Amino acid sequence: MKTAIASTDFAAIKAAGRDVVQQHIDGVWSLEQYLGFLNHDNGPGDFGLVSDPEHWAKMGVTTAPKLADHLDGACARNVEKSERY
């Protein structure tokens, strides 16, 4: 069941939990909106993702689900590398 949280209310979506975030990734957000969600509460000096869709398109990432998969893969590769050393 989908929730009635506004797609731009990033704080409410984050507070609602993983299932609600996944619902938005799977069918509500554009790539730009998902990047906005990921970067929305970054403070000064925090790492943020590039928000330019053309940057991501060069890597074949054109949708929110593709970005989620890309980031999951990058995380898995980094964990694997750290376990080797």
PDB file of N, CA and C in Angstrom:
ATOM      1  N   MET A   1       0.835  -1.174   0.000  1.00  0.00           N
ATOM      2  CA  MET A   1       0.000   0.000   0.000  1.00  0.00           C
ATOM      3  C   MET A   1       0.883   1.241   0.000  1.00  0.00           C
ATOM      4  N   LYS A   2       0.586   2.179  -0.881  1.00  0.00           N
ATOM      5  CA  LYS A   2       1.390   3.391  -0.981  1.00  0.00           C
ATOM      6  C   LYS A   2       0.959   4.401   0.070  1.00  0.00           C
ATOM      7  N   THR A   3       1.923   5.176   0.522  1.00  0.00           N
ATOM      8  CA  THR A   3       1.661   6.184   1.527  1.00  0.00           C
ATOM      9  C   THR A   3       1.290   7.509   0.864  1.00  0.00           C
ATOM     10  N   ALA A   4       0.657   8.395   1.604  1.00  0.00           N
ATOM     11  CA  ALA A   4       0.204   9.667   1.059  1.00  0.00           C
ATOM     12  C   ALA A   4       1.151  10.814   1.400  1.00  0.00           C
ATOM     13  N   ILE A   5       2.400  10.531   1.577  1.00  0.00           N
ATOM     14  CA  ILE A   5       3.397  11.576   1.861  1.00  0.00           C
ATOM     15  C   ILE A   5       3.768  12.251   0.549  1.00  0.00           C
ATOM     16  N   ALA A   6       3.845  13.577   0.563  1.00  0.00           N
ATOM     17  CA  ALA A   6       4.251  14.323  -0.635  1.00  0.00           C
ATOM     18  C   ALA A   6       5.647  13.890  -1.068  1.00  0.00           C
ATOM     19  N   SER A   7       5.837  13.735  -2.374  1.00  0.00           N
ATOM     20  CA  SER A   7       7.107  13.212  -2.887  1.00  0.00           C
ATOM     21  C   SER A   7       8.292  14.131  -2.618  1.00  0.00           C
ATOM     22  N   THR A   8       8.034  15.375  -2.250  1.00  0.00           N
ATOM     23  CA  THR A   8       9.125  16.308  -1.959  1.00  0.00           C
ATOM     24  C   THR A   8       9.326  16.525  -0.461  1.00  0.00           C
ATOM     25  N   ASP A   9       8.532  15.865   0.367  1.00  0.00           N
ATOM     26  CA  ASP A   9       8.690  15.981   1.824  1.00  0.00           C
ATOM     27  C   ASP A   9       9.721  14.952   2.278  1.00  0.00           C
ATOM     28  N   PHE A  10      10.986  15.246   1.973  1.00  0.00           N
ATOM     29  CA  PHE A  10      12.059  14.283   2.187  1.00  0.00           C
ATOM     30  C   PHE A  10      12.198  13.862   3.652  1.00  0.00           C
ATOM     31  N   ALA A  11      12.032  14.790   4.563  1.00  0.00           N
ATOM     32  CA  ALA A  11      12.169  14.450   5.982  1.00  0.00           C
ATOM     33  C   ALA A  11      11.087  13.453   6.404  1.00  0.00           C
ATOM     34  N   ALA A  12       9.856  13.663   5.957  1.00  0.00           N
ATOM     35  CA  ALA A  12       8.760  12.745   6.313  1.00  0.00           C
ATOM     36  C   ALA A  12       8.963  11.374   5.680  1.00  0.00           C
ATOM     37  N   ILE A  13       9.445  11.363   4.454  1.00  0.00           N
ATOM     38  CA  ILE A  13       9.697  10.092   3.771  1.00  0.00           C
ATOM     39  C   ILE A  13      10.785   9.317   4.509  1.00  0.00           C
ATOM     40  N   LYS A  14      11.865  10.000   4.858  1.00  0.00           N
ATOM     41  CA  LYS A  14      12.957   9.355   5.581  1.00  0.00           C
ATOM     42  C   LYS A  14      12.463   8.820   6.925  1.00  0.00           C
ATOM     43  N   ALA A  15      11.653   9.604   7.620  1.00  0.00           N
ATOM     44  CA  ALA A  15      11.141   9.193   8.927  1.00  0.00           C
ATOM     45  C   ALA A  15      10.177   8.012   8.818  1.00  0.00           C
ATOM     46  N   ALA A  16       9.493   7.893   7.689  1.00  0.00           N
ATOM     47  CA  ALA A  16       8.513   6.818   7.508  1.00  0.00           C
ATOM     48  C   ALA A  16       9.177   5.455   7.341  1.00  0.00           C
ATOM     49  N   GLY A  17      10.443   5.450   6.961  1.00  0.00           N
ATOM     50  CA  GLY A  17      11.172   4.194   6.916  1.00  0.00           C
ATOM     51  C   GLY A  17      11.507   3.679   5.530  1.00  0.00           C
ATOM     52  N   ARG A  18      12.243   2.593   5.545  1.00  0.00           N
ATOM     53  CA  ARG A  18      12.820   1.998   4.341  1.00  0.00           C
ATOM     54  C   ARG A  18      11.780   1.625   3.293  1.00  0.00           C
ATOM     55  N   ASP A  19      10.634   1.061   3.707  1.00  0.00           N
ATOM     56  CA  ASP A  19       9.616   0.644   2.743  1.00  0.00           C
ATOM     57  C   ASP A  19       9.059   1.834   1.972  1.00  0.00           C
ATOM     58  N   VAL A  20       8.847   2.945   2.654  1.00  0.00           N
ATOM     59  CA  VAL A  20       8.322   4.141   2.001  1.00  0.00           C
ATOM     60  C   VAL A  20       9.368   4.719   1.054  1.00  0.00           C
ATOM     61  N   VAL A  21      10.615   4.742   1.487  1.00  0.00           N
ATOM     62  CA  VAL A  21      11.687   5.206   0.591  1.00  0.00           C
ATOM     63  C   VAL A  21      11.723   4.329  -0.651  1.00  0.00           C
ATOM     64  N   GLN A  22      11.641   3.011  -0.475  1.00  0.00           N
ATOM     65  CA  GLN A  22      11.675   2.095  -1.617  1.00  0.00           C
ATOM     66  C   GLN A  22      10.492   2.326  -2.548  1.00  0.00           C
ATOM     67  N   GLN A  23       9.310   2.602  -2.009  1.00  0.00           N
ATOM     68  CA  GLN A  23       8.141   2.904  -2.845  1.00  0.00           C
ATOM     69  C   GLN A  23       8.415   4.111  -3.730  1.00  0.00           C
ATOM     70  N   HIS A  24       9.036   5.120  -3.158  1.00  0.00           N
ATOM     71  CA  HIS A  24       9.329   6.333  -3.921  1.00  0.00           C
ATOM     72  C   HIS A  24      10.399   6.072  -4.983  1.00  0.00           C
ATOM     73  N   ILE A  25      11.392   5.265  -4.644  1.00  0.00           N
ATOM     74  CA  ILE A  25      12.420   4.918  -5.632  1.00  0.00           C
ATOM     75  C   ILE A  25      11.789   4.149  -6.785  1.00  0.00           C
ATOM     76  N   ASP A  26      10.913   3.210  -6.463  1.00  0.00           N
ATOM     77  CA  ASP A  26      10.340   2.317  -7.474  1.00  0.00           C
ATOM     78  C   ASP A  26       9.309   2.963  -8.380  1.00  0.00           C
ATOM     79  N   GLY A  27       8.650   4.023  -7.956  1.00  0.00           N
ATOM     80  CA  GLY A  27       7.604   4.499  -8.836  1.00  0.00           C
ATOM     81  C   GLY A  27       7.163   5.929  -8.696  1.00  0.00           C
ATOM     82  N   VAL A  28       7.783   6.684  -7.815  1.00  0.00           N
ATOM     83  CA  VAL A  28       7.332   8.056  -7.616  1.00  0.00           C
ATOM     84  C   VAL A  28       8.382   9.054  -8.101  1.00  0.00           C
ATOM     85  N   TRP A  29       9.610   8.849  -7.667  1.00  0.00           N
ATOM     86  CA  TRP A  29      10.646   9.835  -7.938  1.00  0.00           C
ATOM     87  C   TRP A  29      11.286   9.682  -9.306  1.00  0.00           C
ATOM     88  N   SER A  30      11.626  10.830  -9.877  1.00  0.00           N
ATOM     89  CA  SER A  30      12.523  10.858 -11.029  1.00  0.00           C
ATOM     90  C   SER A  30      13.948  10.733 -10.491  1.00  0.00           C
ATOM     91  N   LEU A  31      14.897  10.582 -11.379  1.00  0.00           N
ATOM     92  CA  LEU A  31      16.305  10.536 -10.967  1.00  0.00           C
ATOM     93  C   LEU A  31      16.666  11.796 -10.188  1.00  0.00           C
ATOM     94  N   GLU A  32      16.229  12.950 -10.675  1.00  0.00           N
ATOM     95  CA  GLU A  32      16.551  14.214 -10.028  1.00  0.00           C
ATOM     96  C   GLU A  32      15.963  14.293  -8.619  1.00  0.00           C
ATOM     97  N   GLN A  33      14.737  13.796  -8.447  1.00  0.00           N
ATOM     98  CA  GLN A  33      14.111  13.828  -7.126  1.00  0.00           C
ATOM     99  C   GLN A  33      14.838  12.893  -6.155  1.00  0.00           C
ATOM    100  N   TYR A  34      15.248  11.732  -6.637  1.00  0.00           N
ATOM    101  CA  TYR A  34      15.970  10.799  -5.768  1.00  0.00           C
ATOM    102  C   TYR A  34      17.311  11.393  -5.347  1.00  0.00           C
ATOM    103  N   LEU A  35      18.003  12.022  -6.274  1.00  0.00           N
ATOM    104  CA  LEU A  35      19.254  12.695  -5.915  1.00  0.00           C
ATOM    105  C   LEU A  35      18.999  13.793  -4.886  1.00  0.00           C
ATOM    106  N   GLY A  36      17.900  14.521  -5.056  1.00  0.00           N
ATOM    107  CA  GLY A  36      17.534  15.548  -4.080  1.00  0.00           C
ATOM    108  C   GLY A  36      17.307  14.953  -2.698  1.00  0.00           C
ATOM    109  N   PHE A  37      16.635  13.799  -2.657  1.00  0.00           N
ATOM    110  CA  PHE A  37      16.410  13.113  -1.381  1.00  0.00           C
ATOM    111  C   PHE A  37      17.732  12.713  -0.743  1.00  0.00           C
ATOM    112  N   LEU A  38      18.620  12.119  -1.535  1.00  0.00           N
ATOM    113  CA  LEU A  38      19.901  11.660  -0.994  1.00  0.00           C
ATOM    114  C   LEU A  38      20.760  12.815  -0.494  1.00  0.00           C
ATOM    115  N   ASN A  39      20.635  13.964  -1.122  1.00  0.00           N
ATOM    116  CA  ASN A  39      21.468  15.117  -0.771  1.00  0.00           C
ATOM    117  C   ASN A  39      20.770  16.112   0.154  1.00  0.00           C
ATOM    118  N   HIS A  40      19.503  15.904   0.498  1.00  0.00           N
ATOM    119  CA  HIS A  40      18.709  16.966   1.123  1.00  0.00           C
ATOM    120  C   HIS A  40      19.176  17.421   2.495  1.00  0.00           C
ATOM    121  N   ASP A  41      19.710  16.561   3.313  1.00  0.00           N
ATOM    122  CA  ASP A  41      20.083  17.007   4.662  1.00  0.00           C
ATOM    123  C   ASP A  41      21.585  17.079   4.869  1.00  0.00           C
ATOM    124  N   ASN A  42      22.308  17.201   3.774  1.00  0.00           N
ATOM    125  CA  ASN A  42      23.757  17.366   3.893  1.00  0.00           C
ATOM    126  C   ASN A  42      24.068  18.737   4.477  1.00  0.00           C
ATOM    127  N   GLY A  43      24.955  18.736   5.418  1.00  0.00           N
ATOM    128  CA  GLY A  43      25.400  19.984   6.016  1.00  0.00           C
ATOM    129  C   GLY A  43      26.722  20.414   5.405  1.00  0.00           C
ATOM    130  N   PRO A  44      27.246  21.525   5.865  1.00  0.00           N
ATOM    131  CA  PRO A  44      28.534  21.991   5.363  1.00  0.00           C
ATOM    132  C   PRO A  44      29.607  20.915   5.546  1.00  0.00           C
ATOM    133  N   GLY A  45      30.326  20.647   4.504  1.00  0.00           N
ATOM    134  CA  GLY A  45      31.400  19.666   4.560  1.00  0.00           C
ATOM    135  C   GLY A  45      30.958  18.232   4.346  1.00  0.00           C
ATOM    136  N   ASP A  46      29.647  17.991   4.268  1.00  0.00           N
ATOM    137  CA  ASP A  46      29.159  16.634   4.014  1.00  0.00           C
ATOM    138  C   ASP A  46      29.357  16.271   2.557  1.00  0.00           C
ATOM    139  N   PHE A  47      29.590  14.987   2.320  1.00  0.00           N
ATOM    140  CA  PHE A  47      29.719  14.482   0.961  1.00  0.00           C
ATOM    141  C   PHE A  47      28.338  14.444   0.317  1.00  0.00           C
ATOM    142  N   GLY A  48      28.235  14.912  -0.903  1.00  0.00           N
ATOM    143  CA  GLY A  48      26.976  14.859  -1.641  1.00  0.00           C
ATOM    144  C   GLY A  48      27.199  14.236  -3.002  1.00  0.00           C
ATOM    145  N   LEU A  49      26.145  13.706  -3.563  1.00  0.00           N
ATOM    146  CA  LEU A  49      26.223  13.129  -4.898  1.00  0.00           C
ATOM    147  C   LEU A  49      26.033  14.206  -5.946  1.00  0.00           C
ATOM    148  N   VAL A  50      26.648  14.040  -7.091  1.00  0.00           N
ATOM    149  CA  VAL A  50      26.481  14.961  -8.205  1.00  0.00           C
ATOM    150  C   VAL A  50      25.007  14.959  -8.588  1.00  0.00           C
ATOM    151  N   SER A  51      24.415  16.131  -8.711  1.00  0.00           N
ATOM    152  CA  SER A  51      22.985  16.215  -8.996  1.00  0.00           C
ATOM    153  C   SER A  51      22.668  16.385 -10.480  1.00  0.00           C
ATOM    154  N   ASP A  52      23.671  16.393 -11.324  1.00  0.00           N
ATOM    155  CA  ASP A  52      23.476  16.567 -12.762  1.00  0.00           C
ATOM    156  C   ASP A  52      23.099  15.236 -13.420  1.00  0.00           C
ATOM    157  N   PRO A  53      21.875  15.124 -13.973  1.00  0.00           N
ATOM    158  CA  PRO A  53      21.448  13.863 -14.599  1.00  0.00           C
ATOM    159  C   PRO A  53      22.353  13.422 -15.749  1.00  0.00           C
ATOM    160  N   GLU A  54      22.964  14.371 -16.450  1.00  0.00           N
ATOM    161  CA  GLU A  54      23.858  14.010 -17.550  1.00  0.00           C
ATOM    162  C   GLU A  54      25.091  13.259 -17.044  1.00  0.00           C
ATOM    163  N   HIS A  55      25.570  13.622 -15.873  1.00  0.00           N
ATOM    164  CA  HIS A  55      26.698  12.915 -15.253  1.00  0.00           C
ATOM    165  C   HIS A  55      26.346  11.443 -15.071  1.00  0.00           C
ATOM    166  N   TRP A  56      25.158  11.185 -14.544  1.00  0.00           N
ATOM    167  CA  TRP A  56      24.732   9.812 -14.273  1.00  0.00           C
ATOM    168  C   TRP A  56      24.401   9.064 -15.549  1.00  0.00           C
ATOM    169  N   ALA A  57      23.856   9.769 -16.530  1.00  0.00           N
ATOM    170  CA  ALA A  57      23.501   9.124 -17.802  1.00  0.00           C
ATOM    171  C   ALA A  57      24.733   8.554 -18.496  1.00  0.00           C
ATOM    172  N   LYS A  58      25.885   9.187 -18.322  1.00  0.00           N
ATOM    173  CA  LYS A  58      27.126   8.678 -18.921  1.00  0.00           C
ATOM    174  C   LYS A  58      27.487   7.296 -18.381  1.00  0.00           C
ATOM    175  N   MET A  59      26.955   6.953 -17.204  1.00  0.00           N
ATOM    176  CA  MET A  59      27.210   5.643 -16.605  1.00  0.00           C
ATOM    177  C   MET A  59      26.008   4.714 -16.769  1.00  0.00           C
ATOM    178  N   GLY A  60      25.040   5.142 -17.570  1.00  0.00           N
ATOM    179  CA  GLY A  60      23.857   4.318 -17.801  1.00  0.00           C
ATOM    180  C   GLY A  60      22.797   4.448 -16.728  1.00  0.00           C
ATOM    181  N   VAL A  61      22.949   5.412 -15.854  1.00  0.00           N
ATOM    182  CA  VAL A  61      21.998   5.615 -14.762  1.00  0.00           C
ATOM    183  C   VAL A  61      21.038   6.732 -15.183  1.00  0.00           C
ATOM    184  N   THR A  62      19.798   6.349 -15.476  1.00  0.00           N
ATOM    185  CA  THR A  62      18.819   7.320 -15.983  1.00  0.00           C
ATOM    186  C   THR A  62      17.524   7.362 -15.175  1.00  0.00           C
ATOM    187  N   THR A  63      17.395   6.478 -14.190  1.00  0.00           N
ATOM    188  CA  THR A  63      16.184   6.435 -13.373  1.00  0.00           C
ATOM    189  C   THR A  63      16.564   6.264 -11.900  1.00  0.00           C
ATOM    190  N   ALA A  64      15.609   6.539 -11.028  1.00  0.00           N
ATOM    191  CA  ALA A  64      15.853   6.355  -9.588  1.00  0.00           C
ATOM    192  C   ALA A  64      16.204   4.900  -9.258  1.00  0.00           C
ATOM    193  N   PRO A  65      15.479   3.900  -9.802  1.00  0.00           N
ATOM    194  CA  PRO A  65      15.865   2.517  -9.491  1.00  0.00           C
ATOM    195  C   PRO A  65      17.275   2.155  -9.984  1.00  0.00           C
ATOM    196  N   LYS A  66      17.657   2.689 -11.143  1.00  0.00           N
ATOM    197  CA  LYS A  66      19.014   2.410 -11.641  1.00  0.00           C
ATOM    198  C   LYS A  66      20.064   3.045 -10.744  1.00  0.00           C
ATOM    199  N   LEU A  67      19.781   4.237 -10.217  1.00  0.00           N
ATOM    200  CA  LEU A  67      20.728   4.870  -9.295  1.00  0.00           C
ATOM    201  C   LEU A  67      20.831   4.057  -8.010  1.00  0.00           C
ATOM    202  N   ALA A  68      19.698   3.589  -7.496  1.00  0.00           N
ATOM    203  CA  ALA A  68      19.731   2.764  -6.284  1.00  0.00           C
ATOM    204  C   ALA A  68      20.582   1.515  -6.510  1.00  0.00           C
ATOM    205  N   ASP A  69      20.408   0.863  -7.654  1.00  0.00           N
ATOM    206  CA  ASP A  69      21.212  -0.321  -7.972  1.00  0.00           C
ATOM    207  C   ASP A  69      22.691   0.027  -8.092  1.00  0.00           C
ATOM    208  N   HIS A  70      22.981   1.142  -8.753  1.00  0.00           N
ATOM    209  CA  HIS A  70      24.368   1.583  -8.933  1.00  0.00           C
ATOM    210  C   HIS A  70      25.034   1.834  -7.578  1.00  0.00           C
ATOM    211  N   LEU A  71      24.329   2.534  -6.686  1.00  0.00           N
ATOM    212  CA  LEU A  71      24.893   2.843  -5.372  1.00  0.00           C
ATOM    213  C   LEU A  71      25.043   1.589  -4.523  1.00  0.00           C
ATOM    214  N   ASP A  72      24.070   0.676  -4.616  1.00  0.00           N
ATOM    215  CA  ASP A  72      24.194  -0.595  -3.893  1.00  0.00           C
ATOM    216  C   ASP A  72      25.414  -1.369  -4.374  1.00  0.00           C
ATOM    217  N   GLY A  73      25.631  -1.390  -5.680  1.00  0.00           N
ATOM    218  CA  GLY A  73      26.791  -2.083  -6.248  1.00  0.00           C
ATOM    219  C   GLY A  73      28.098  -1.443  -5.815  1.00  0.00           C
ATOM    220  N   ALA A  74      28.134  -0.122  -5.811  1.00  0.00           N
ATOM    221  CA  ALA A  74      29.350   0.581  -5.385  1.00  0.00           C
ATOM    222  C   ALA A  74      29.650   0.292  -3.924  1.00  0.00           C
ATOM    223  N   CYS A  75      28.630   0.262  -3.116  1.00  0.00           N
ATOM    224  CA  CYS A  75      28.810  -0.043  -1.688  1.00  0.00           C
ATOM    225  C   CYS A  75      29.340  -1.468  -1.518  1.00  0.00           C
ATOM    226  N   ALA A  76      28.745  -2.406  -2.233  1.00  0.00           N
ATOM    227  CA  ALA A  76      29.185  -3.809  -2.133  1.00  0.00           C
ATOM    228  C   ALA A  76      30.638  -3.960  -2.559  1.00  0.00           C
ATOM    229  N   ARG A  77      31.033  -3.259  -3.631  1.00  0.00           N
ATOM    230  CA  ARG A  77      32.431  -3.334  -4.089  1.00  0.00           C
ATOM    231  C   ARG A  77      33.371  -2.761  -3.039  1.00  0.00           C
ATOM    232  N   ASN A  78      32.973  -1.669  -2.407  1.00  0.00           N
ATOM    233  CA  ASN A  78      33.825  -1.069  -1.378  1.00  0.00           C
ATOM    234  C   ASN A  78      33.952  -1.964  -0.152  1.00  0.00           C
ATOM    235  N   VAL A  79      32.873  -2.619   0.242  1.00  0.00           N
ATOM    236  CA  VAL A  79      32.935  -3.552   1.361  1.00  0.00           C
ATOM    237  C   VAL A  79      33.855  -4.714   1.015  1.00  0.00           C
ATOM    238  N   GLU A  80      33.700  -5.223  -0.186  1.00  0.00           N
ATOM    239  CA  GLU A  80      34.549  -6.348  -0.636  1.00  0.00           C
ATOM    240  C   GLU A  80      36.027  -5.945  -0.624  1.00  0.00           C
ATOM    241  N   LYS A  81      36.323  -4.745  -1.109  1.00  0.00           N
ATOM    242  CA  LYS A  81      37.718  -4.287  -1.113  1.00  0.00           C
ATOM    243  C   LYS A  81      38.250  -4.143   0.314  1.00  0.00           C
ATOM    244  N   SER A  82      37.440  -3.595   1.199  1.00  0.00           N
ATOM    245  CA  SER A  82      37.928  -3.391   2.566  1.00  0.00           C
ATOM    246  C   SER A  82      38.142  -4.707   3.292  1.00  0.00           C
ATOM    247  N   GLU A  83      37.391  -5.728   2.932  1.00  0.00           N
ATOM    248  CA  GLU A  83      37.581  -7.039   3.556  1.00  0.00           C
ATOM    249  C   GLU A  83      38.852  -7.728   3.068  1.00  0.00           C
ATOM    250  N   ARG A  84      39.315  -7.341   1.898  1.00  0.00           N
ATOM    251  CA  ARG A  84      40.551  -7.926   1.362  1.00  0.00           C
ATOM    252  C   ARG A  84      41.797  -7.347   2.029  1.00  0.00           C
ATOM    253  N   TYR A  85      41.696  -6.161   2.592  1.00  0.00           N
ATOM    254  CA  TYR A  85      42.881  -5.486   3.126  1.00  0.00           C
ATOM    255  C   TYR A  85      42.874  -5.344   4.599  1.00  0.00           C
TER     256      TYR A  85
END
